[in-house]
Amino acid sequence: MPIADKPTEMSEQVLEAVKRGQQGALDAVRTFVDTVDQALPLHGEGPSKRQEVIDSAITMADRLVQSQYDFLSSIIRSAGNSLGASQPPETEKK
């Protein structure tokens, strides 16, 4: 494989790793929400401690996935720079 194709191959591997990380985070949140639903059934109207716990877990999972994405992106940029590849324009963060 030509050295010029290495950054593309690495980018594809990173994207696949990010997808697996996102799926893992989603699965963990689903399992967590199911557990909370069993332990703290929904009662009444309005916000509850139960909802605060669920919202916090979703926020945590989102931050973990974003951290993984940022880390893997920096690895790809570093590898690309080492191999002399041109950098794509920066993308806006969510």
PDB file of N, CA and C in Angstrom:
ATOM      1  N   MET A   1       0.845  -1.177   0.000  1.00  0.00           N
ATOM      2  CA  MET A   1       0.000   0.000   0.000  1.00  0.00           C
ATOM      3  C   MET A   1       0.888   1.238   0.000  1.00  0.00           C
ATOM      4  N   PRO A   2       0.614   2.189  -0.893  1.00  0.00           N
ATOM      5  CA  PRO A   2       1.397   3.420  -0.924  1.00  0.00           C
ATOM      6  C   PRO A   2       1.221   4.197   0.380  1.00  0.00           C
ATOM      7  N   ILE A   3       2.270   4.915   0.759  1.00  0.00           N
ATOM      8  CA  ILE A   3       2.231   5.673   2.013  1.00  0.00           C
ATOM      9  C   ILE A   3       1.133   6.737   1.996  1.00  0.00           C
ATOM     10  N   ALA A   4       0.790   7.241   0.814  1.00  0.00           N
ATOM     11  CA  ALA A   4      -0.256   8.265   0.706  1.00  0.00           C
ATOM     12  C   ALA A   4      -1.624   7.722   1.110  1.00  0.00           C
ATOM     13  N   ASP A   5      -1.834   6.412   1.010  1.00  0.00           N
ATOM     14  CA  ASP A   5      -3.124   5.815   1.365  1.00  0.00           C
ATOM     15  C   ASP A   5      -3.252   5.547   2.865  1.00  0.00           C
ATOM     16  N   LYS A   6      -2.155   5.590   3.595  1.00  0.00           N
ATOM     17  CA  LYS A   6      -2.167   5.281   5.028  1.00  0.00           C
ATOM     18  C   LYS A   6      -3.086   6.210   5.821  1.00  0.00           C
ATOM     19  N   PRO A   7      -3.026   7.563   5.620  1.00  0.00           N
ATOM     20  CA  PRO A   7      -3.939   8.422   6.392  1.00  0.00           C
ATOM     21  C   PRO A   7      -5.410   8.105   6.139  1.00  0.00           C
ATOM     22  N   THR A   8      -5.756   7.769   4.895  1.00  0.00           N
ATOM     23  CA  THR A   8      -7.135   7.425   4.578  1.00  0.00           C
ATOM     24  C   THR A   8      -7.545   6.151   5.304  1.00  0.00           C
ATOM     25  N   GLU A   9      -6.663   5.155   5.272  1.00  0.00           N
ATOM     26  CA  GLU A   9      -6.951   3.894   5.960  1.00  0.00           C
ATOM     27  C   GLU A   9      -7.093   4.132   7.467  1.00  0.00           C
ATOM     28  N   MET A  10      -6.212   4.937   8.030  1.00  0.00           N
ATOM     29  CA  MET A  10      -6.286   5.237   9.462  1.00  0.00           C
ATOM     30  C   MET A  10      -7.564   5.995   9.789  1.00  0.00           C
ATOM     31  N   SER A  11      -7.945   6.935   8.930  1.00  0.00           N
ATOM     32  CA  SER A  11      -9.184   7.688   9.158  1.00  0.00           C
ATOM     33  C   SER A  11     -10.387   6.761   9.188  1.00  0.00           C
ATOM     34  N   GLU A  12     -10.406   5.797   8.289  1.00  0.00           N
ATOM     35  CA  GLU A  12     -11.507   4.837   8.267  1.00  0.00           C
ATOM     36  C   GLU A  12     -11.525   3.998   9.539  1.00  0.00           C
ATOM     37  N   GLN A  13     -10.346   3.624  10.011  1.00  0.00           N
ATOM     38  CA  GLN A  13     -10.263   2.848  11.249  1.00  0.00           C
ATOM     39  C   GLN A  13     -10.723   3.673  12.438  1.00  0.00           C
ATOM     40  N   VAL A  14     -10.366   4.943  12.447  1.00  0.00           N
ATOM     41  CA  VAL A  14     -10.800   5.828  13.533  1.00  0.00           C
ATOM     42  C   VAL A  14     -12.313   5.992  13.503  1.00  0.00           C
ATOM     43  N   LEU A  15     -12.864   6.208  12.331  1.00  0.00           N
ATOM     44  CA  LEU A  15     -14.321   6.355  12.235  1.00  0.00           C
ATOM     45  C   LEU A  15     -15.022   5.102  12.734  1.00  0.00           C
ATOM     46  N   GLU A  16     -14.488   3.957  12.408  1.00  0.00           N
ATOM     47  CA  GLU A  16     -15.078   2.697  12.877  1.00  0.00           C
ATOM     48  C   GLU A  16     -14.968   2.590  14.390  1.00  0.00           C
ATOM     49  N   ALA A  17     -13.831   3.005  14.951  1.00  0.00           N
ATOM     50  CA  ALA A  17     -13.664   2.983  16.403  1.00  0.00           C
ATOM     51  C   ALA A  17     -14.630   3.945  17.085  1.00  0.00           C
ATOM     52  N   VAL A  18     -14.836   5.107  16.486  1.00  0.00           N
ATOM     53  CA  VAL A  18     -15.794   6.074  17.038  1.00  0.00           C
ATOM     54  C   VAL A  18     -17.199   5.492  17.006  1.00  0.00           C
ATOM     55  N   LYS A  19     -17.566   4.857  15.901  1.00  0.00           N
ATOM     56  CA  LYS A  19     -18.890   4.225  15.804  1.00  0.00           C
ATOM     57  C   LYS A  19     -19.083   3.177  16.885  1.00  0.00           C
ATOM     58  N   ARG A  20     -18.047   2.346  17.097  1.00  0.00           N
ATOM     59  CA  ARG A  20     -18.143   1.316  18.141  1.00  0.00           C
ATOM     60  C   ARG A  20     -18.274   1.965  19.516  1.00  0.00           C
ATOM     61  N   GLY A  21     -17.527   3.036  19.741  1.00  0.00           N
ATOM     62  CA  GLY A  21     -17.618   3.748  21.015  1.00  0.00           C
ATOM     63  C   GLY A  21     -18.987   4.357  21.234  1.00  0.00           C
ATOM     64  N   GLN A  22     -19.536   4.950  20.190  1.00  0.00           N
ATOM     65  CA  GLN A  22     -20.878   5.531  20.294  1.00  0.00           C
ATOM     66  C   GLN A  22     -21.914   4.452  20.568  1.00  0.00           C
ATOM     67  N   GLN A  23     -21.811   3.338  19.878  1.00  0.00           N
ATOM     68  CA  GLN A  23     -22.763   2.248  20.083  1.00  0.00           C
ATOM     69  C   GLN A  23     -22.642   1.699  21.493  1.00  0.00           C
ATOM     70  N   GLY A  24     -21.416   1.553  21.967  1.00  0.00           N
ATOM     71  CA  GLY A  24     -21.202   1.080  23.333  1.00  0.00           C
ATOM     72  C   GLY A  24     -21.794   2.035  24.355  1.00  0.00           C
ATOM     73  N   ALA A  25     -21.627   3.336  24.127  1.00  0.00           N
ATOM     74  CA  ALA A  25     -22.195   4.333  25.038  1.00  0.00           C
ATOM     75  C   ALA A  25     -23.719   4.273  25.019  1.00  0.00           C
ATOM     76  N   LEU A  26     -24.297   4.137  23.838  1.00  0.00           N
ATOM     77  CA  LEU A  26     -25.764   4.027  23.736  1.00  0.00           C
ATOM     78  C   LEU A  26     -26.277   2.788  24.458  1.00  0.00           C
ATOM     79  N   ASP A  27     -25.597   1.671  24.259  1.00  0.00           N
ATOM     80  CA  ASP A  27     -26.003   0.432  24.928  1.00  0.00           C
ATOM     81  C   ASP A  27     -25.904   0.575  26.443  1.00  0.00           C
ATOM     82  N   ALA A  28     -24.835   1.222  26.909  1.00  0.00           N
ATOM     83  CA  ALA A  28     -24.665   1.422  28.355  1.00  0.00           C
ATOM     84  C   ALA A  28     -25.763   2.315  28.915  1.00  0.00           C
ATOM     85  N   VAL A  29     -26.105   3.378  28.199  1.00  0.00           N
ATOM     86  CA  VAL A  29     -27.170   4.272  28.670  1.00  0.00           C
ATOM     87  C   VAL A  29     -28.507   3.541  28.682  1.00  0.00           C
ATOM     88  N   ARG A  30     -28.789   2.751  27.648  1.00  0.00           N
ATOM     89  CA  ARG A  30     -30.050   1.985  27.626  1.00  0.00           C
ATOM     90  C   ARG A  30     -30.139   1.042  28.825  1.00  0.00           C
ATOM     91  N   THR A  31     -29.042   0.335  29.088  1.00  0.00           N
ATOM     92  CA  THR A  31     -29.020  -0.576  30.228  1.00  0.00           C
ATOM     93  C   THR A  31     -29.212   0.191  31.530  1.00  0.00           C
ATOM     94  N   PHE A  32     -28.545   1.328  31.647  1.00  0.00           N
ATOM     95  CA  PHE A  32     -28.661   2.152  32.840  1.00  0.00           C
ATOM     96  C   PHE A  32     -30.102   2.637  33.030  1.00  0.00           C
ATOM     97  N   VAL A  33     -30.710   3.138  31.961  1.00  0.00           N
ATOM     98  CA  VAL A  33     -32.090   3.635  32.050  1.00  0.00           C
ATOM     99  C   VAL A  33     -33.037   2.499  32.436  1.00  0.00           C
ATOM    100  N   ASP A  34     -32.840   1.322  31.870  1.00  0.00           N
ATOM    101  CA  ASP A  34     -33.673   0.172  32.247  1.00  0.00           C
ATOM    102  C   ASP A  34     -33.532  -0.141  33.735  1.00  0.00           C
ATOM    103  N   THR A  35     -32.298  -0.073  34.231  1.00  0.00           N
ATOM    104  CA  THR A  35     -32.055  -0.332  35.651  1.00  0.00           C
ATOM    105  C   THR A  35     -32.729   0.727  36.515  1.00  0.00           C
ATOM    106  N   VAL A  36     -32.604   1.990  36.119  1.00  0.00           N
ATOM    107  CA  VAL A  36     -33.254   3.083  36.868  1.00  0.00           C
ATOM    108  C   VAL A  36     -34.766   2.915  36.827  1.00  0.00           C
ATOM    109  N   ASP A  37     -35.300   2.541  35.684  1.00  0.00           N
ATOM    110  CA  ASP A  37     -36.752   2.330  35.571  1.00  0.00           C
ATOM    111  C   ASP A  37     -37.238   1.258  36.544  1.00  0.00           C
ATOM    112  N   GLN A  38     -36.446   0.201  36.718  1.00  0.00           N
ATOM    113  CA  GLN A  38     -36.831  -0.865  37.641  1.00  0.00           C
ATOM    114  C   GLN A  38     -36.701  -0.412  39.096  1.00  0.00           C
ATOM    115  N   ALA A  39     -35.635   0.317  39.390  1.00  0.00           N
ATOM    116  CA  ALA A  39     -35.363   0.716  40.772  1.00  0.00           C
ATOM    117  C   ALA A  39     -36.193   1.924  41.208  1.00  0.00           C
ATOM    118  N   LEU A  40     -36.445   2.836  40.290  1.00  0.00           N
ATOM    119  CA  LEU A  40     -37.166   4.070  40.611  1.00  0.00           C
ATOM    120  C   LEU A  40     -38.281   4.295  39.591  1.00  0.00           C
ATOM    121  N   PRO A  41     -39.399   3.604  39.744  1.00  0.00           N
ATOM    122  CA  PRO A  41     -40.492   3.774  38.781  1.00  0.00           C
ATOM    123  C   PRO A  41     -40.960   5.228  38.734  1.00  0.00           C
ATOM    124  N   LEU A  42     -41.463   5.623  37.581  1.00  0.00           N
ATOM    125  CA  LEU A  42     -41.954   6.982  37.374  1.00  0.00           C
ATOM    126  C   LEU A  42     -43.190   7.224  38.230  1.00  0.00           C
ATOM    127  N   HIS A  43     -43.164   8.312  38.999  1.00  0.00           N
ATOM    128  CA  HIS A  43     -44.301   8.699  39.831  1.00  0.00           C
ATOM    129  C   HIS A  43     -44.598  10.166  39.610  1.00  0.00           C
ATOM    130  N   GLY A  44     -45.863  10.473  39.382  1.00  0.00           N
ATOM    131  CA  GLY A  44     -46.292  11.861  39.327  1.00  0.00           C
ATOM    132  C   GLY A  44     -45.810  12.618  38.111  1.00  0.00           C
ATOM    133  N   GLU A  45     -46.069  13.920  38.176  1.00  0.00           N
ATOM    134  CA  GLU A  45     -45.735  14.821  37.082  1.00  0.00           C
ATOM    135  C   GLU A  45     -44.488  15.624  37.426  1.00  0.00           C
ATOM    136  N   GLY A  46     -43.897  16.223  36.427  1.00  0.00           N
ATOM    137  CA  GLY A  46     -42.775  17.126  36.643  1.00  0.00           C
ATOM    138  C   GLY A  46     -41.451  16.417  36.820  1.00  0.00           C
ATOM    139  N   PRO A  47     -40.390  17.230  36.909  1.00  0.00           N
ATOM    140  CA  PRO A  47     -39.048  16.663  37.054  1.00  0.00           C
ATOM    141  C   PRO A  47     -38.896  15.904  38.366  1.00  0.00           C
ATOM    142  N   SER A  48     -38.071  14.887  38.342  1.00  0.00           N
ATOM    143  CA  SER A  48     -37.860  14.077  39.529  1.00  0.00           C
ATOM    144  C   SER A  48     -36.367  13.751  39.648  1.00  0.00           C
ATOM    145  N   LYS A  49     -35.981  13.210  40.796  1.00  0.00           N
ATOM    146  CA  LYS A  49     -34.604  12.756  40.983  1.00  0.00           C
ATOM    147  C   LYS A  49     -34.273  11.684  39.944  1.00  0.00           C
ATOM    148  N   ARG A  50     -35.247  10.846  39.642  1.00  0.00           N
ATOM    149  CA  ARG A  50     -35.071   9.793  38.644  1.00  0.00           C
ATOM    150  C   ARG A  50     -34.636  10.403  37.318  1.00  0.00           C
ATOM    151  N   GLN A  51     -35.317  11.460  36.884  1.00  0.00           N
ATOM    152  CA  GLN A  51     -34.988  12.104  35.611  1.00  0.00           C
ATOM    153  C   GLN A  51     -33.628  12.786  35.679  1.00  0.00           C
ATOM    154  N   GLU A  52     -33.298  13.363  36.825  1.00  0.00           N
ATOM    155  CA  GLU A  52     -31.978  13.983  36.991  1.00  0.00           C
ATOM    156  C   GLU A  52     -30.868  12.943  36.824  1.00  0.00           C
ATOM    157  N   VAL A  53     -31.077  11.759  37.404  1.00  0.00           N
ATOM    158  CA  VAL A  53     -30.082  10.687  37.301  1.00  0.00           C
ATOM    159  C   VAL A  53     -29.923  10.257  35.844  1.00  0.00           C
ATOM    160  N   ILE A  54     -31.023  10.079  35.148  1.00  0.00           N
ATOM    161  CA  ILE A  54     -30.986   9.663  33.743  1.00  0.00           C
ATOM    162  C   ILE A  54     -30.321  10.735  32.884  1.00  0.00           C
ATOM    163  N   ASP A  55     -30.692  11.997  33.093  1.00  0.00           N
ATOM    164  CA  ASP A  55     -30.087  13.088  32.322  1.00  0.00           C
ATOM    165  C   ASP A  55     -28.582  13.155  32.557  1.00  0.00           C
ATOM    166  N   SER A  56     -28.173  12.952  33.789  1.00  0.00           N
ATOM    167  CA  SER A  56     -26.753  12.975  34.122  1.00  0.00           C
ATOM    168  C   SER A  56     -26.006  11.845  33.422  1.00  0.00           C
ATOM    169  N   ALA A  57     -26.594  10.668  33.370  1.00  0.00           N
ATOM    170  CA  ALA A  57     -25.962   9.529  32.691  1.00  0.00           C
ATOM    171  C   ALA A  57     -25.828   9.789  31.194  1.00  0.00           C
ATOM    172  N   ILE A  58     -26.832  10.386  30.598  1.00  0.00           N
ATOM    173  CA  ILE A  58     -26.785  10.696  29.164  1.00  0.00           C
ATOM    174  C   ILE A  58     -25.700  11.736  28.892  1.00  0.00           C
ATOM    175  N   THR A  59     -25.608  12.747  29.744  1.00  0.00           N
ATOM    176  CA  THR A  59     -24.562  13.764  29.602  1.00  0.00           C
ATOM    177  C   THR A  59     -23.180  13.132  29.722  1.00  0.00           C
ATOM    178  N   MET A  60     -23.009  12.243  30.694  1.00  0.00           N
ATOM    179  CA  MET A  60     -21.727  11.570  30.883  1.00  0.00           C
ATOM    180  C   MET A  60     -21.356  10.751  29.644  1.00  0.00           C
ATOM    181  N   ALA A  61     -22.304   9.998  29.116  1.00  0.00           N
ATOM    182  CA  ALA A  61     -22.034   9.180  27.929  1.00  0.00           C
ATOM    183  C   ALA A  61     -21.662  10.069  26.743  1.00  0.00           C
ATOM    184  N   ASP A  62     -22.352  11.185  26.588  1.00  0.00           N
ATOM    185  CA  ASP A  62     -22.054  12.119  25.505  1.00  0.00           C
ATOM    186  C   ASP A  62     -20.635  12.661  25.631  1.00  0.00           C
ATOM    187  N   ARG A  63     -20.241  13.025  26.838  1.00  0.00           N
ATOM    188  CA  ARG A  63     -18.889  13.542  27.064  1.00  0.00           C
ATOM    189  C   ARG A  63     -17.829  12.477  26.801  1.00  0.00           C
ATOM    190  N   LEU A  64     -18.102  11.249  27.200  1.00  0.00           N
ATOM    191  CA  LEU A  64     -17.149  10.165  26.952  1.00  0.00           C
ATOM    192  C   LEU A  64     -16.947   9.926  25.457  1.00  0.00           C
ATOM    193  N   VAL A  65     -18.040   9.914  24.714  1.00  0.00           N
ATOM    194  CA  VAL A  65     -17.951   9.704  23.267  1.00  0.00           C
ATOM    195  C   VAL A  65     -17.206  10.869  22.622  1.00  0.00           C
ATOM    196  N   GLN A  66     -17.491  12.101  23.046  1.00  0.00           N
ATOM    197  CA  GLN A  66     -16.806  13.266  22.483  1.00  0.00           C
ATOM    198  C   GLN A  66     -15.311  13.217  22.795  1.00  0.00           C
ATOM    199  N   SER A  67     -14.973  12.816  24.014  1.00  0.00           N
ATOM    200  CA  SER A  67     -13.557  12.697  24.382  1.00  0.00           C
ATOM    201  C   SER A  67     -12.855  11.649  23.526  1.00  0.00           C
ATOM    202  N   GLN A  68     -13.525  10.534  23.310  1.00  0.00           N
ATOM    203  CA  GLN A  68     -12.946   9.480  22.469  1.00  0.00           C
ATOM    204  C   GLN A  68     -12.740  10.001  21.048  1.00  0.00           C
ATOM    205  N   TYR A  69     -13.723  10.699  20.530  1.00  0.00           N
ATOM    206  CA  TYR A  69     -13.625  11.256  19.175  1.00  0.00           C
ATOM    207  C   TYR A  69     -12.464  12.243  19.080  1.00  0.00           C
ATOM    208  N   ASP A  70     -12.366  13.149  20.056  1.00  0.00           N
ATOM    209  CA  ASP A  70     -11.292  14.140  20.054  1.00  0.00           C
ATOM    210  C   ASP A  70      -9.924  13.465  20.114  1.00  0.00           C
ATOM    211  N   PHE A  71      -9.799  12.463  20.977  1.00  0.00           N
ATOM    212  CA  PHE A  71      -8.538  11.741  21.116  1.00  0.00           C
ATOM    213  C   PHE A  71      -8.148  11.060  19.808  1.00  0.00           C
ATOM    214  N   LEU A  72      -9.071  10.329  19.233  1.00  0.00           N
ATOM    215  CA  LEU A  72      -8.768   9.610  17.997  1.00  0.00           C
ATOM    216  C   LEU A  72      -8.493  10.575  16.846  1.00  0.00           C
ATOM    217  N   SER A  73      -9.192  11.698  16.817  1.00  0.00           N
ATOM    218  CA  SER A  73      -8.937  12.701  15.777  1.00  0.00           C
ATOM    219  C   SER A  73      -7.527  13.263  15.894  1.00  0.00           C
ATOM    220  N   SER A  74      -7.086  13.506  17.125  1.00  0.00           N
ATOM    221  CA  SER A  74      -5.731  14.043  17.300  1.00  0.00           C
ATOM    222  C   SER A  74      -4.686  13.015  16.881  1.00  0.00           C
ATOM    223  N   ILE A  75      -4.949  11.741  17.119  1.00  0.00           N
ATOM    224  CA  ILE A  75      -4.020  10.694  16.675  1.00  0.00           C
ATOM    225  C   ILE A  75      -3.923  10.692  15.150  1.00  0.00           C
ATOM    226  N   ILE A  76      -5.058  10.791  14.502  1.00  0.00           N
ATOM    227  CA  ILE A  76      -5.071  10.796  13.034  1.00  0.00           C
ATOM    228  C   ILE A  76      -4.347  12.021  12.495  1.00  0.00           C
ATOM    229  N   ARG A  77      -4.591  13.194  13.087  1.00  0.00           N
ATOM    230  CA  ARG A  77      -3.894  14.401  12.638  1.00  0.00           C
ATOM    231  C   ARG A  77      -2.381  14.242  12.806  1.00  0.00           C
ATOM    232  N   SER A  78      -1.967  13.735  13.954  1.00  0.00           N
ATOM    233  CA  SER A  78      -0.537  13.543  14.208  1.00  0.00           C
ATOM    234  C   SER A  78       0.067  12.551  13.221  1.00  0.00           C
ATOM    235  N   ALA A  79      -0.626  11.459  12.995  1.00  0.00           N
ATOM    236  CA  ALA A  79      -0.128  10.458  12.048  1.00  0.00           C
ATOM    237  C   ALA A  79      -0.073  11.037  10.644  1.00  0.00           C
ATOM    238  N   GLY A  80      -1.097  11.771  10.281  1.00  0.00           N
ATOM    239  CA  GLY A  80      -1.117  12.400   8.952  1.00  0.00           C
ATOM    240  C   GLY A  80       0.029  13.382   8.783  1.00  0.00           C
ATOM    241  N   ASN A  81       0.280  14.180   9.830  1.00  0.00           N
ATOM    242  CA  ASN A  81       1.394  15.124   9.775  1.00  0.00           C
ATOM    243  C   ASN A  81       2.720  14.387   9.648  1.00  0.00           C
ATOM    244  N   SER A  82       2.853  13.303  10.379  1.00  0.00           N
ATOM    245  CA  SER A  82       4.086  12.518  10.322  1.00  0.00           C
ATOM    246  C   SER A  82       4.310  11.920   8.937  1.00  0.00           C
ATOM    247  N   LEU A  83       3.220  11.588   8.277  1.00  0.00           N
ATOM    248  CA  LEU A  83       3.316  10.992   6.947  1.00  0.00           C
ATOM    249  C   LEU A  83       3.292  12.036   5.839  1.00  0.00           C
ATOM    250  N   GLY A  84       3.171  13.313   6.212  1.00  0.00           N
ATOM    251  CA  GLY A  84       3.191  14.395   5.233  1.00  0.00           C
ATOM    252  C   GLY A  84       1.879  14.626   4.522  1.00  0.00           C
ATOM    253  N   ALA A  85       0.784  14.141   5.096  1.00  0.00           N
ATOM    254  CA  ALA A  85      -0.529  14.341   4.470  1.00  0.00           C
ATOM    255  C   ALA A  85      -1.023  15.751   4.749  1.00  0.00           C
ATOM    256  N   SER A  86      -1.810  16.293   3.844  1.00  0.00           N
ATOM    257  CA  SER A  86      -2.408  17.610   4.087  1.00  0.00           C
ATOM    258  C   SER A  86      -3.557  17.454   5.060  1.00  0.00           C
ATOM    259  N   GLN A  87      -3.782  18.488   5.885  1.00  0.00           N
ATOM    260  CA  GLN A  87      -4.834  18.419   6.893  1.00  0.00           C
ATOM    261  C   GLN A  87      -6.161  18.888   6.299  1.00  0.00           C
ATOM    262  N   PRO A  88      -7.255  18.165   6.630  1.00  0.00           N
ATOM    263  CA  PRO A  88      -8.577  18.649   6.217  1.00  0.00           C
ATOM    264  C   PRO A  88      -8.932  19.860   7.052  1.00  0.00           C
ATOM    265  N   PRO A  89      -9.836  20.715   6.574  1.00  0.00           N
ATOM    266  CA  PRO A  89     -10.243  21.872   7.368  1.00  0.00           C
ATOM    267  C   PRO A  89     -10.874  21.421   8.679  1.00  0.00           C
ATOM    268  N   GLU A  90     -10.695  22.216   9.718  1.00  0.00           N
ATOM    269  CA  GLU A  90     -11.270  21.906  11.026  1.00  0.00           C
ATOM    270  C   GLU A  90     -12.792  21.870  10.917  1.00  0.00           C
ATOM    271  N   THR A  91     -13.391  20.920  11.597  1.00  0.00           N
ATOM    272  CA  THR A  91     -14.842  20.841  11.652  1.00  0.00           C
ATOM    273  C   THR A  91     -15.322  21.460  12.933  1.00  0.00           C
ATOM    274  N   GLU A  92     -16.534  22.012  12.887  1.00  0.00           N
ATOM    275  CA  GLU A  92     -17.117  22.632  14.082  1.00  0.00           C
ATOM    276  C   GLU A  92     -17.488  21.565  15.077  1.00  0.00           C
ATOM    277  N   LYS A  93     -17.200  21.823  16.355  1.00  0.00           N
ATOM    278  CA  LYS A  93     -17.599  20.904  17.416  1.00  0.00           C
ATOM    279  C   LYS A  93     -19.020  21.211  17.813  1.00  0.00           C
ATOM    280  N   LYS A  94     -19.689  20.156  18.246  1.00  0.00           N
ATOM    281  CA  LYS A  94     -21.072  20.306  18.695  1.00  0.00           C
ATOM    282  C   LYS A  94     -21.109  20.895  20.067  1.00  0.00           C
TER     283      LYS A  94
END
